[in-house]
C-alpha atoms as a PDB file:
ATOM      1  CA  UNK A   1     -65.211 -71.192   7.896  1.00  0.00           C
ATOM      2  CA  UNK A   2     -61.829 -71.449   9.617  1.00  0.00           C
ATOM      3  CA  UNK A   3     -58.441 -69.846   9.210  1.00  0.00           C
ATOM      4  CA  UNK A   4     -55.992 -72.140   7.433  1.00  0.00           C
ATOM      5  CA  UNK A   5     -52.267 -71.655   7.052  1.00  0.00           C
ATOM      6  CA  UNK A   6     -51.637 -71.434   3.316  1.00  0.00           C
ATOM      7  CA  UNK A   7     -48.117 -70.089   2.797  1.00  0.00           C
ATOM      8  CA  UNK A   8     -44.816 -69.598   4.625  1.00  0.00           C
ATOM      9  CA  UNK A   9     -42.383 -67.148   3.102  1.00  0.00           C
ATOM     10  CA  UNK A  10     -38.914 -66.411   4.514  1.00  0.00           C
ATOM     11  CA  UNK A  11     -36.381 -63.689   3.845  1.00  0.00           C
ATOM     12  CA  UNK A  12     -33.245 -61.935   5.009  1.00  0.00           C
ATOM     13  CA  UNK A  13     -32.438 -58.231   5.133  1.00  0.00           C
ATOM     14  CA  UNK A  14     -29.392 -56.217   6.100  1.00  0.00           C
ATOM     15  CA  UNK A  15     -28.281 -52.768   7.069  1.00  0.00           C
ATOM     16  CA  UNK A  16     -24.652 -52.840   5.984  1.00  0.00           C
ATOM     17  CA  UNK A  17     -23.324 -49.792   7.834  1.00  0.00           C
ATOM     18  CA  UNK A  18     -26.037 -48.215   9.938  1.00  0.00           C
ATOM     19  CA  UNK A  19     -27.049 -51.008  12.329  1.00  0.00           C
ATOM     20  CA  UNK A  20     -30.681 -49.919  11.860  1.00  0.00           C
ATOM     21  CA  UNK A  21     -32.919 -52.744  13.089  1.00  0.00           C
ATOM     22  CA  UNK A  22     -36.038 -51.422  11.345  1.00  0.00           C
ATOM     23  CA  UNK A  23     -34.281 -50.975   8.002  1.00  0.00           C
ATOM     24  CA  UNK A  24     -32.966 -54.558   8.140  1.00  0.00           C
ATOM     25  CA  UNK A  25     -36.405 -55.876   9.207  1.00  0.00           C
ATOM     26  CA  UNK A  26     -38.192 -54.072   6.348  1.00  0.00           C
ATOM     27  CA  UNK A  27     -35.664 -55.415   3.855  1.00  0.00           C
ATOM     28  CA  UNK A  28     -36.081 -58.951   5.251  1.00  0.00           C
ATOM     29  CA  UNK A  29     -39.868 -58.851   4.805  1.00  0.00           C
ATOM     30  CA  UNK A  30     -39.522 -57.403   1.304  1.00  0.00           C
ATOM     31  CA  UNK A  31     -37.102 -60.224   0.478  1.00  0.00           C
ATOM     32  CA  UNK A  32     -39.660 -62.765   1.690  1.00  0.00           C
ATOM     33  CA  UNK A  33     -42.556 -61.247  -0.245  1.00  0.00           C
ATOM     34  CA  UNK A  34     -41.118 -59.842  -3.450  1.00  0.00           C
ATOM     35  CA  UNK A  35     -39.911 -63.150  -4.878  1.00  0.00           C
ATOM     36  CA  UNK A  36     -43.403 -64.598  -4.965  1.00  0.00           C
ATOM     37  CA  UNK A  37     -46.702 -64.112  -6.670  1.00  0.00           C
ATOM     38  CA  UNK A  38     -49.420 -65.571  -4.491  1.00  0.00           C
ATOM     39  CA  UNK A  39     -52.459 -66.645  -6.449  1.00  0.00           C
ATOM     40  CA  UNK A  40     -53.917 -68.846  -3.725  1.00  0.00           C
ATOM     41  CA  UNK A  41     -56.572 -66.326  -2.634  1.00  0.00           C
ATOM     42  CA  UNK A  42     -57.818 -65.793  -6.178  1.00  0.00           C
ATOM     43  CA  UNK A  43     -57.697 -69.533  -6.865  1.00  0.00           C
ATOM     44  CA  UNK A  44     -60.076 -70.013  -3.935  1.00  0.00           C
ATOM     45  CA  UNK A  45     -62.361 -67.205  -5.122  1.00  0.00           C
ATOM     46  CA  UNK A  46     -61.238 -64.836  -2.338  1.00  0.00           C
ATOM     47  CA  UNK A  47     -60.049 -61.248  -2.456  1.00  0.00           C
ATOM     48  CA  UNK A  48     -56.283 -60.843  -1.935  1.00  0.00           C
ATOM     49  CA  UNK A  49     -57.059 -58.388   0.848  1.00  0.00           C
ATOM     50  CA  UNK A  50     -58.708 -61.216   2.796  1.00  0.00           C
ATOM     51  CA  UNK A  51     -55.243 -62.608   3.565  1.00  0.00           C
ATOM     52  CA  UNK A  52     -54.131 -62.382   7.172  1.00  0.00           C
ATOM     53  CA  UNK A  53     -50.346 -62.224   7.397  1.00  0.00           C
ATOM     54  CA  UNK A  54     -48.454 -63.110  10.551  1.00  0.00           C
ATOM     55  CA  UNK A  55     -44.934 -61.632  10.367  1.00  0.00           C
ATOM     56  CA  UNK A  56     -42.113 -62.686  12.678  1.00  0.00           C
ATOM     57  CA  UNK A  57     -38.846 -60.761  12.605  1.00  0.00           C
ATOM     58  CA  UNK A  58     -35.617 -61.965  14.224  1.00  0.00           C
ATOM     59  CA  UNK A  59     -33.130 -59.189  14.944  1.00  0.00           C
ATOM     60  CA  UNK A  60     -30.432 -58.575  17.605  1.00  0.00           C
ATOM     61  CA  UNK A  61     -32.261 -55.647  19.244  1.00  0.00           C
ATOM     62  CA  UNK A  62     -36.007 -56.384  18.896  1.00  0.00           C
ATOM     63  CA  UNK A  63     -37.078 -53.317  20.895  1.00  0.00           C
ATOM     64  CA  UNK A  64     -35.625 -51.035  18.196  1.00  0.00           C
ATOM     65  CA  UNK A  65     -37.878 -52.258  15.368  1.00  0.00           C
ATOM     66  CA  UNK A  66     -40.726 -49.974  14.295  1.00  0.00           C
ATOM     67  CA  UNK A  67     -43.521 -52.495  13.672  1.00  0.00           C
ATOM     68  CA  UNK A  68     -45.634 -49.976  11.724  1.00  0.00           C
ATOM     69  CA  UNK A  69     -42.856 -49.546   9.148  1.00  0.00           C
ATOM     70  CA  UNK A  70     -42.589 -53.322   8.771  1.00  0.00           C
ATOM     71  CA  UNK A  71     -46.378 -53.704   8.337  1.00  0.00           C
ATOM     72  CA  UNK A  72     -46.368 -50.982   5.670  1.00  0.00           C
ATOM     73  CA  UNK A  73     -44.482 -53.431   3.414  1.00  0.00           C
ATOM     74  CA  UNK A  74     -47.511 -55.738   3.062  1.00  0.00           C
ATOM     75  CA  UNK A  75     -49.139 -55.167  -0.346  1.00  0.00           C
ATOM     76  CA  UNK A  76     -52.381 -57.010   0.518  1.00  0.00           C
ATOM     77  CA  UNK A  77     -54.362 -58.132   3.507  1.00  0.00           C
ATOM     78  CA  UNK A  78     -53.911 -57.295   7.144  1.00  0.00           C
ATOM     79  CA  UNK A  79     -51.035 -58.263   9.346  1.00  0.00           C
ATOM     80  CA  UNK A  80     -49.408 -58.506  12.710  1.00  0.00           C
ATOM     81  CA  UNK A  81     -45.716 -58.232  13.555  1.00  0.00           C
ATOM     82  CA  UNK A  82     -43.879 -60.031  16.325  1.00  0.00           C
ATOM     83  CA  UNK A  83     -40.211 -59.186  16.831  1.00  0.00           C
ATOM     84  CA  UNK A  84     -37.954 -61.692  18.570  1.00  0.00           C
ATOM     85  CA  UNK A  85     -34.314 -61.896  19.514  1.00  0.00           C
ATOM     86  CA  UNK A  86     -32.414 -63.298  16.536  1.00  0.00           C
ATOM     87  CA  UNK A  87     -30.554 -62.225  13.437  1.00  0.00           C
ATOM     88  CA  UNK A  88     -26.874 -61.382  13.518  1.00  0.00           C
ATOM     89  CA  UNK A  89     -24.651 -58.371  14.117  1.00  0.00           C
ATOM     90  CA  UNK A  90     -21.074 -58.204  12.842  1.00  0.00           C
ATOM     91  CA  UNK A  91     -18.797 -55.410  14.108  1.00  0.00           C
ATOM     92  CA  UNK A  92     -16.547 -53.572  11.667  1.00  0.00           C
ATOM     93  CA  UNK A  93     -12.744 -53.708  11.999  1.00  0.00           C
ATOM     94  CA  UNK A  94     -12.542 -50.435  13.902  1.00  0.00           C
ATOM     95  CA  UNK A  95     -15.276 -51.400  16.331  1.00  0.00           C
ATOM     96  CA  UNK A  96     -17.147 -48.202  15.496  1.00  0.00           C
ATOM     97  CA  UNK A  97     -20.090 -49.729  13.666  1.00  0.00           C
ATOM     98  CA  UNK A  98     -21.607 -52.967  12.489  1.00  0.00           C
ATOM     99  CA  UNK A  99     -23.611 -54.789   9.870  1.00  0.00           C
ATOM    100  CA  UNK A 100     -26.997 -55.981  11.053  1.00  0.00           C
ATOM    101  CA  UNK A 101     -28.847 -58.971   9.581  1.00  0.00           C
ATOM    102  CA  UNK A 102     -32.558 -59.607  10.189  1.00  0.00           C
ATOM    103  CA  UNK A 103     -34.622 -62.676   9.352  1.00  0.00           C
ATOM    104  CA  UNK A 104     -38.298 -62.581   8.436  1.00  0.00           C
ATOM    105  CA  UNK A 105     -41.032 -65.190   8.262  1.00  0.00           C
ATOM    106  CA  UNK A 106     -44.445 -64.353   6.835  1.00  0.00           C
ATOM    107  CA  UNK A 107     -47.273 -66.834   7.330  1.00  0.00           C
ATOM    108  CA  UNK A 108     -50.351 -66.236   5.176  1.00  0.00           C
ATOM    109  CA  UNK A 109     -53.712 -67.368   6.570  1.00  0.00           C
ATOM    110  CA  UNK A 110     -57.028 -67.524   4.689  1.00  0.00           C
ATOM    111  CA  UNK A 111     -60.528 -68.112   5.984  1.00  0.00           C
ATOM    112  CA  UNK A 112     -61.598 -71.194   4.033  1.00  0.00           C
ATOM    113  CA  UNK A 113     -63.997 -74.108   4.491  1.00  0.00           C
END
């Protein structure tokens, strides 16, 4: 059997006042996942935990993202997280804080014939 790309899910997450990269990244992945009900594994006679999920997060300060917290969002399967420079940061009027926006892409792979 071989791994085949089955699904691409995308989402956006924010931290409105705290500029917390991990919080925005977790919210982005939840946004990508929580609007879907994937039945592809079951339709192929596979366990949902057989899914391999490749997560990519785009955020202004990639080094600040806790990958373990992002992975904890996955309800099924196993995953990897790659964090890249991306997203958006908007300073407040006073220049004392900002809103941080993260983007997430989750690619679901299954081992099928």
